[in-house]
Amino acid sequence: MWVRLGDEEILNLHHVLSIKKAGGNLEVRYNNPTQNRTIRFSDPQDRDAAFERIMENLIKLRLAME
C-alpha cells in the first residue's frame, strides 16, 4: 500500500518497519536499513496530519492482510 505525503513524498507502507515523530520531522525505518529516511515538515500540524494518514493506511493494510 502506498501513501502520498504532499507533492514529492510517497511511501510504500509494505516495507516500513516504524515511523516516529522527531521534532518537526518524521523518521521512517524500512526493512532495509540503508533506505531509512527523514521527512521534514515546516509546520508541526502538517507533520501530525501526515502521521495520522500513515497510521490510518497502516491499519487498513493490517486488516487487509488478516
PDB file of N, CA and C in Angstrom:
ATOM      1  N   MET A   1       0.855  -1.172   0.000  1.00  0.00           N
ATOM      2  CA  MET A   1       0.000   0.000   0.000  1.00  0.00           C
ATOM      3  C   MET A   1       0.903   1.238   0.000  1.00  0.00           C
ATOM      4  N   TRP A   2       0.549   2.180  -0.806  1.00  0.00           N
ATOM      5  CA  TRP A   2       1.306   3.420  -0.948  1.00  0.00           C
ATOM      6  C   TRP A   2       0.523   4.561  -0.313  1.00  0.00           C
ATOM      7  N   VAL A   3       1.244   5.520   0.236  1.00  0.00           N
ATOM      8  CA  VAL A   3       0.620   6.729   0.760  1.00  0.00           C
ATOM      9  C   VAL A   3       1.423   7.920   0.257  1.00  0.00           C
ATOM     10  N   ARG A   4       0.705   8.941  -0.188  1.00  0.00           N
ATOM     11  CA  ARG A   4       1.341  10.161  -0.695  1.00  0.00           C
ATOM     12  C   ARG A   4       1.320  11.213   0.400  1.00  0.00           C
ATOM     13  N   LEU A   5       2.492  11.814   0.614  1.00  0.00           N
ATOM     14  CA  LEU A   5       2.634  12.900   1.589  1.00  0.00           C
ATOM     15  C   LEU A   5       3.069  14.142   0.832  1.00  0.00           C
ATOM     16  N   GLY A   6       2.133  14.934   0.416  1.00  0.00           N
ATOM     17  CA  GLY A   6       2.479  16.128  -0.347  1.00  0.00           C
ATOM     18  C   GLY A   6       2.767  15.784  -1.796  1.00  0.00           C
ATOM     19  N   ASP A   7       3.470  16.684  -2.477  1.00  0.00           N
ATOM     20  CA  ASP A   7       3.721  16.514  -3.902  1.00  0.00           C
ATOM     21  C   ASP A   7       4.913  15.616  -4.200  1.00  0.00           C
ATOM     22  N   GLU A   8       5.869  15.509  -3.271  1.00  0.00           N
ATOM     23  CA  GLU A   8       7.116  14.817  -3.579  1.00  0.00           C
ATOM     24  C   GLU A   8       7.355  13.548  -2.771  1.00  0.00           C
ATOM     25  N   GLU A   9       6.626  13.324  -1.705  1.00  0.00           N
ATOM     26  CA  GLU A   9       6.891  12.180  -0.834  1.00  0.00           C
ATOM     27  C   GLU A   9       5.844  11.092  -1.049  1.00  0.00           C
ATOM     28  N   ILE A  10       6.323   9.897  -1.335  1.00  0.00           N
ATOM     29  CA  ILE A  10       5.468   8.722  -1.459  1.00  0.00           C
ATOM     30  C   ILE A  10       6.126   7.596  -0.670  1.00  0.00           C
ATOM     31  N   LEU A  11       5.358   6.931   0.183  1.00  0.00           N
ATOM     32  CA  LEU A  11       5.881   5.834   0.984  1.00  0.00           C
ATOM     33  C   LEU A  11       5.204   4.528   0.593  1.00  0.00           C
ATOM     34  N   ASN A  12       5.987   3.462   0.497  1.00  0.00           N
ATOM     35  CA  ASN A  12       5.452   2.123   0.322  1.00  0.00           C
ATOM     36  C   ASN A  12       5.349   1.522   1.714  1.00  0.00           C
ATOM     37  N   LEU A  13       4.142   1.478   2.266  1.00  0.00           N
ATOM     38  CA  LEU A  13       3.957   1.065   3.649  1.00  0.00           C
ATOM     39  C   LEU A  13       4.232  -0.418   3.876  1.00  0.00           C
ATOM     40  N   HIS A  14       4.256  -1.190   2.819  1.00  0.00           N
ATOM     41  CA  HIS A  14       4.516  -2.624   2.959  1.00  0.00           C
ATOM     42  C   HIS A  14       5.937  -2.885   3.471  1.00  0.00           C
ATOM     43  N   HIS A  15       6.865  -1.991   3.213  1.00  0.00           N
ATOM     44  CA  HIS A  15       8.264  -2.183   3.590  1.00  0.00           C
ATOM     45  C   HIS A  15       8.688  -1.362   4.820  1.00  0.00           C
ATOM     46  N   VAL A  16       7.755  -0.671   5.457  1.00  0.00           N
ATOM     47  CA  VAL A  16       8.076   0.195   6.593  1.00  0.00           C
ATOM     48  C   VAL A  16       8.089  -0.623   7.885  1.00  0.00           C
ATOM     49  N   LEU A  17       9.158  -0.476   8.674  1.00  0.00           N
ATOM     50  CA  LEU A  17       9.234  -1.106   9.996  1.00  0.00           C
ATOM     51  C   LEU A  17       8.651  -0.207  11.072  1.00  0.00           C
ATOM     52  N   SER A  18       9.002   1.082  11.025  1.00  0.00           N
ATOM     53  CA  SER A  18       8.497   2.007  12.040  1.00  0.00           C
ATOM     54  C   SER A  18       8.496   3.430  11.502  1.00  0.00           C
ATOM     55  N   ILE A  19       7.609   4.225  12.096  1.00  0.00           N
ATOM     56  CA  ILE A  19       7.527   5.650  11.784  1.00  0.00           C
ATOM     57  C   ILE A  19       7.454   6.375  13.125  1.00  0.00           C
ATOM     58  N   LYS A  20       8.320   7.378  13.296  1.00  0.00           N
ATOM     59  CA  LYS A  20       8.413   8.063  14.569  1.00  0.00           C
ATOM     60  C   LYS A  20       8.434   9.571  14.344  1.00  0.00           C
ATOM     61  N   LYS A  21       7.693  10.288  15.189  1.00  0.00           N
ATOM     62  CA  LYS A  21       7.768  11.738  15.185  1.00  0.00           C
ATOM     63  C   LYS A  21       9.046  12.144  15.899  1.00  0.00           C
ATOM     64  N   ALA A  22       9.817  13.030  15.286  1.00  0.00           N
ATOM     65  CA  ALA A  22      11.062  13.513  15.884  1.00  0.00           C
ATOM     66  C   ALA A  22      11.190  14.999  15.592  1.00  0.00           C
ATOM     67  N   GLY A  23      10.879  15.819  16.575  1.00  0.00           N
ATOM     68  CA  GLY A  23      10.892  17.259  16.342  1.00  0.00           C
ATOM     69  C   GLY A  23       9.836  17.624  15.312  1.00  0.00           C
ATOM     70  N   GLY A  24      10.229  18.341  14.275  1.00  0.00           N
ATOM     71  CA  GLY A  24       9.305  18.699  13.196  1.00  0.00           C
ATOM     72  C   GLY A  24       9.348  17.708  12.048  1.00  0.00           C
ATOM     73  N   ASN A  25       9.946  16.535  12.268  1.00  0.00           N
ATOM     74  CA  ASN A  25      10.160  15.563  11.198  1.00  0.00           C
ATOM     75  C   ASN A  25       9.472  14.240  11.495  1.00  0.00           C
ATOM     76  N   LEU A  26       9.391  13.414  10.475  1.00  0.00           N
ATOM     77  CA  LEU A  26       9.013  12.014  10.633  1.00  0.00           C
ATOM     78  C   LEU A  26      10.221  11.173  10.245  1.00  0.00           C
ATOM     79  N   GLU A  27      10.591  10.229  11.089  1.00  0.00           N
ATOM     80  CA  GLU A  27      11.675   9.314  10.780  1.00  0.00           C
ATOM     81  C   GLU A  27      11.058   7.984  10.372  1.00  0.00           C
ATOM     82  N   VAL A  28      11.388   7.522   9.170  1.00  0.00           N
ATOM     83  CA  VAL A  28      10.831   6.292   8.622  1.00  0.00           C
ATOM     84  C   VAL A  28      11.940   5.249   8.562  1.00  0.00           C
ATOM     85  N   ARG A  29      11.717   4.101   9.201  1.00  0.00           N
ATOM     86  CA  ARG A  29      12.659   2.980   9.147  1.00  0.00           C
ATOM     87  C   ARG A  29      12.064   1.897   8.263  1.00  0.00           C
ATOM     88  N   TYR A  30      12.848   1.451   7.297  1.00  0.00           N
ATOM     89  CA  TYR A  30      12.417   0.407   6.367  1.00  0.00           C
ATOM     90  C   TYR A  30      13.042  -0.933   6.747  1.00  0.00           C
ATOM     91  N   ASN A  31      12.557  -2.015   6.120  1.00  0.00           N
ATOM     92  CA  ASN A  31      13.136  -3.344   6.316  1.00  0.00           C
ATOM     93  C   ASN A  31      14.621  -3.337   5.981  1.00  0.00           C
ATOM     94  N   ASN A  32      15.010  -2.586   4.983  1.00  0.00           N
ATOM     95  CA  ASN A  32      16.406  -2.451   4.578  1.00  0.00           C
ATOM     96  C   ASN A  32      16.975  -1.209   5.259  1.00  0.00           C
ATOM     97  N   PRO A  33      17.923  -1.360   6.196  1.00  0.00           N
ATOM     98  CA  PRO A  33      18.424  -0.203   6.954  1.00  0.00           C
ATOM     99  C   PRO A  33      19.072   0.889   6.111  1.00  0.00           C
ATOM    100  N   THR A  34      19.515   0.589   4.910  1.00  0.00           N
ATOM    101  CA  THR A  34      20.139   1.611   4.074  1.00  0.00           C
ATOM    102  C   THR A  34      19.116   2.546   3.448  1.00  0.00           C
ATOM    103  N   GLN A  35      17.830   2.224   3.554  1.00  0.00           N
ATOM    104  CA  GLN A  35      16.791   3.047   2.941  1.00  0.00           C
ATOM    105  C   GLN A  35      16.055   3.930   3.939  1.00  0.00           C
ATOM    106  N   ASN A  36      16.489   3.974   5.193  1.00  0.00           N
ATOM    107  CA  ASN A  36      15.830   4.825   6.184  1.00  0.00           C
ATOM    108  C   ASN A  36      15.853   6.271   5.719  1.00  0.00           C
ATOM    109  N   ARG A  37      14.822   7.029   6.103  1.00  0.00           N
ATOM    110  CA  ARG A  37      14.771   8.418   5.654  1.00  0.00           C
ATOM    111  C   ARG A  37      14.083   9.297   6.681  1.00  0.00           C
ATOM    112  N   THR A  38      14.362  10.572   6.585  1.00  0.00           N
ATOM    113  CA  THR A  38      13.726  11.585   7.415  1.00  0.00           C
ATOM    114  C   THR A  38      12.942  12.506   6.494  1.00  0.00           C
ATOM    115  N   ILE A  39      11.672  12.690   6.824  1.00  0.00           N
ATOM    116  CA  ILE A  39      10.805  13.578   6.038  1.00  0.00           C
ATOM    117  C   ILE A  39      10.609  14.839   6.866  1.00  0.00           C
ATOM    118  N   ARG A  40      10.994  15.968   6.310  1.00  0.00           N
ATOM    119  CA  ARG A  40      10.943  17.245   7.028  1.00  0.00           C
ATOM    120  C   ARG A  40       9.647  17.990   6.705  1.00  0.00           C
ATOM    121  N   PHE A  41       9.104  18.631   7.737  1.00  0.00           N
ATOM    122  CA  PHE A  41       7.894  19.434   7.602  1.00  0.00           C
ATOM    123  C   PHE A  41       8.164  20.811   8.174  1.00  0.00           C
ATOM    124  N   SER A  42       7.605  21.834   7.545  1.00  0.00           N
ATOM    125  CA  SER A  42       7.799  23.199   8.031  1.00  0.00           C
ATOM    126  C   SER A  42       6.862  23.520   9.192  1.00  0.00           C
ATOM    127  N   ASP A  43       5.782  22.753   9.321  1.00  0.00           N
ATOM    128  CA  ASP A  43       4.772  23.017  10.346  1.00  0.00           C
ATOM    129  C   ASP A  43       4.454  21.716  11.090  1.00  0.00           C
ATOM    130  N   PRO A  44       4.497  21.726  12.431  1.00  0.00           N
ATOM    131  CA  PRO A  44       4.168  20.504  13.184  1.00  0.00           C
ATOM    132  C   PRO A  44       2.754  19.971  12.899  1.00  0.00           C
ATOM    133  N   GLN A  45       1.830  20.852  12.561  1.00  0.00           N
ATOM    134  CA  GLN A  45       0.474  20.398  12.225  1.00  0.00           C
ATOM    135  C   GLN A  45       0.478  19.576  10.941  1.00  0.00           C
ATOM    136  N   ASP A  46       1.286  19.969   9.968  1.00  0.00           N
ATOM    137  CA  ASP A  46       1.416  19.186   8.737  1.00  0.00           C
ATOM    138  C   ASP A  46       2.022  17.817   9.039  1.00  0.00           C
ATOM    139  N   ARG A  47       3.039  17.800   9.904  1.00  0.00           N
ATOM    140  CA  ARG A  47       3.659  16.535  10.298  1.00  0.00           C
ATOM    141  C   ARG A  47       2.642  15.627  10.979  1.00  0.00           C
ATOM    142  N   ASP A  48       1.848  16.185  11.899  1.00  0.00           N
ATOM    143  CA  ASP A  48       0.856  15.391  12.610  1.00  0.00           C
ATOM    144  C   ASP A  48      -0.220  14.852  11.668  1.00  0.00           C
ATOM    145  N   ALA A  49      -0.642  15.666  10.702  1.00  0.00           N
ATOM    146  CA  ALA A  49      -1.639  15.212   9.729  1.00  0.00           C
ATOM    147  C   ALA A  49      -1.086  14.080   8.868  1.00  0.00           C
ATOM    148  N   ALA A  50       0.168  14.212   8.449  1.00  0.00           N
ATOM    149  CA  ALA A  50       0.802  13.152   7.656  1.00  0.00           C
ATOM    150  C   ALA A  50       0.938  11.883   8.481  1.00  0.00           C
ATOM    151  N   PHE A  51       1.307  12.014   9.736  1.00  0.00           N
ATOM    152  CA  PHE A  51       1.444  10.858  10.622  1.00  0.00           C
ATOM    153  C   PHE A  51       0.102  10.143  10.766  1.00  0.00           C
ATOM    154  N   GLU A  52      -0.965  10.902  10.943  1.00  0.00           N
ATOM    155  CA  GLU A  52      -2.303  10.300  11.064  1.00  0.00           C
ATOM    156  C   GLU A  52      -2.706   9.563   9.785  1.00  0.00           C
ATOM    157  N   ARG A  53      -2.404  10.148   8.609  1.00  0.00           N
ATOM    158  CA  ARG A  53      -2.717   9.468   7.338  1.00  0.00           C
ATOM    159  C   ARG A  53      -1.957   8.160   7.221  1.00  0.00           C
ATOM    160  N   ILE A  54      -0.699   8.178   7.619  1.00  0.00           N
ATOM    161  CA  ILE A  54       0.109   6.966   7.559  1.00  0.00           C
ATOM    162  C   ILE A  54      -0.473   5.907   8.488  1.00  0.00           C
ATOM    163  N   MET A  55      -0.824   6.287   9.713  1.00  0.00           N
ATOM    164  CA  MET A  55      -1.374   5.324  10.668  1.00  0.00           C
ATOM    165  C   MET A  55      -2.692   4.737  10.166  1.00  0.00           C
ATOM    166  N   GLU A  56      -3.547   5.564   9.583  1.00  0.00           N
ATOM    167  CA  GLU A  56      -4.808   5.066   9.033  1.00  0.00           C
ATOM    168  C   GLU A  56      -4.554   4.036   7.939  1.00  0.00           C
ATOM    169  N   ASN A  57      -3.592   4.304   7.070  1.00  0.00           N
ATOM    170  CA  ASN A  57      -3.290   3.372   5.989  1.00  0.00           C
ATOM    171  C   ASN A  57      -2.626   2.100   6.498  1.00  0.00           C
ATOM    172  N   LEU A  58      -1.808   2.201   7.531  1.00  0.00           N
ATOM    173  CA  LEU A  58      -1.214   1.002   8.113  1.00  0.00           C
ATOM    174  C   LEU A  58      -2.282   0.111   8.750  1.00  0.00           C
ATOM    175  N   ILE A  59      -3.259   0.718   9.388  1.00  0.00           N
ATOM    176  CA  ILE A  59      -4.361  -0.054   9.960  1.00  0.00           C
ATOM    177  C   ILE A  59      -5.122  -0.766   8.857  1.00  0.00           C
ATOM    178  N   LYS A  60      -5.411  -0.070   7.765  1.00  0.00           N
ATOM    179  CA  LYS A  60      -6.107  -0.690   6.628  1.00  0.00           C
ATOM    180  C   LYS A  60      -5.294  -1.835   6.053  1.00  0.00           C
ATOM    181  N   LEU A  61      -3.987  -1.639   5.931  1.00  0.00           N
ATOM    182  CA  LEU A  61      -3.114  -2.675   5.395  1.00  0.00           C
ATOM    183  C   LEU A  61      -3.119  -3.900   6.294  1.00  0.00           C
ATOM    184  N   ARG A  62      -3.020  -3.679   7.585  1.00  0.00           N
ATOM    185  CA  ARG A  62      -3.025  -4.813   8.520  1.00  0.00           C
ATOM    186  C   ARG A  62      -4.341  -5.575   8.477  1.00  0.00           C
ATOM    187  N   LEU A  63      -5.450  -4.859   8.449  1.00  0.00           N
ATOM    188  CA  LEU A  63      -6.741  -5.516   8.378  1.00  0.00           C
ATOM    189  C   LEU A  63      -6.903  -6.311   7.081  1.00  0.00           C
ATOM    190  N   ALA A  64      -6.386  -5.780   5.997  1.00  0.00           N
ATOM    191  CA  ALA A  64      -6.476  -6.470   4.708  1.00  0.00           C
ATOM    192  C   ALA A  64      -5.645  -7.742   4.691  1.00  0.00           C
ATOM    193  N   MET A  65      -4.549  -7.757   5.439  1.00  0.00           N
ATOM    194  CA  MET A  65      -3.663  -8.908   5.440  1.00  0.00           C
ATOM    195  C   MET A  65      -4.138 -10.010   6.396  1.00  0.00           C
ATOM    196  N   GLU A  66      -5.060  -9.712   7.290  1.00  0.00           N
ATOM    197  CA  GLU A  66      -5.545 -10.727   8.241  1.00  0.00           C
ATOM    198  C   GLU A  66      -6.577 -11.633   7.617  1.00  0.00           C
TER     199      GLU A  66
END
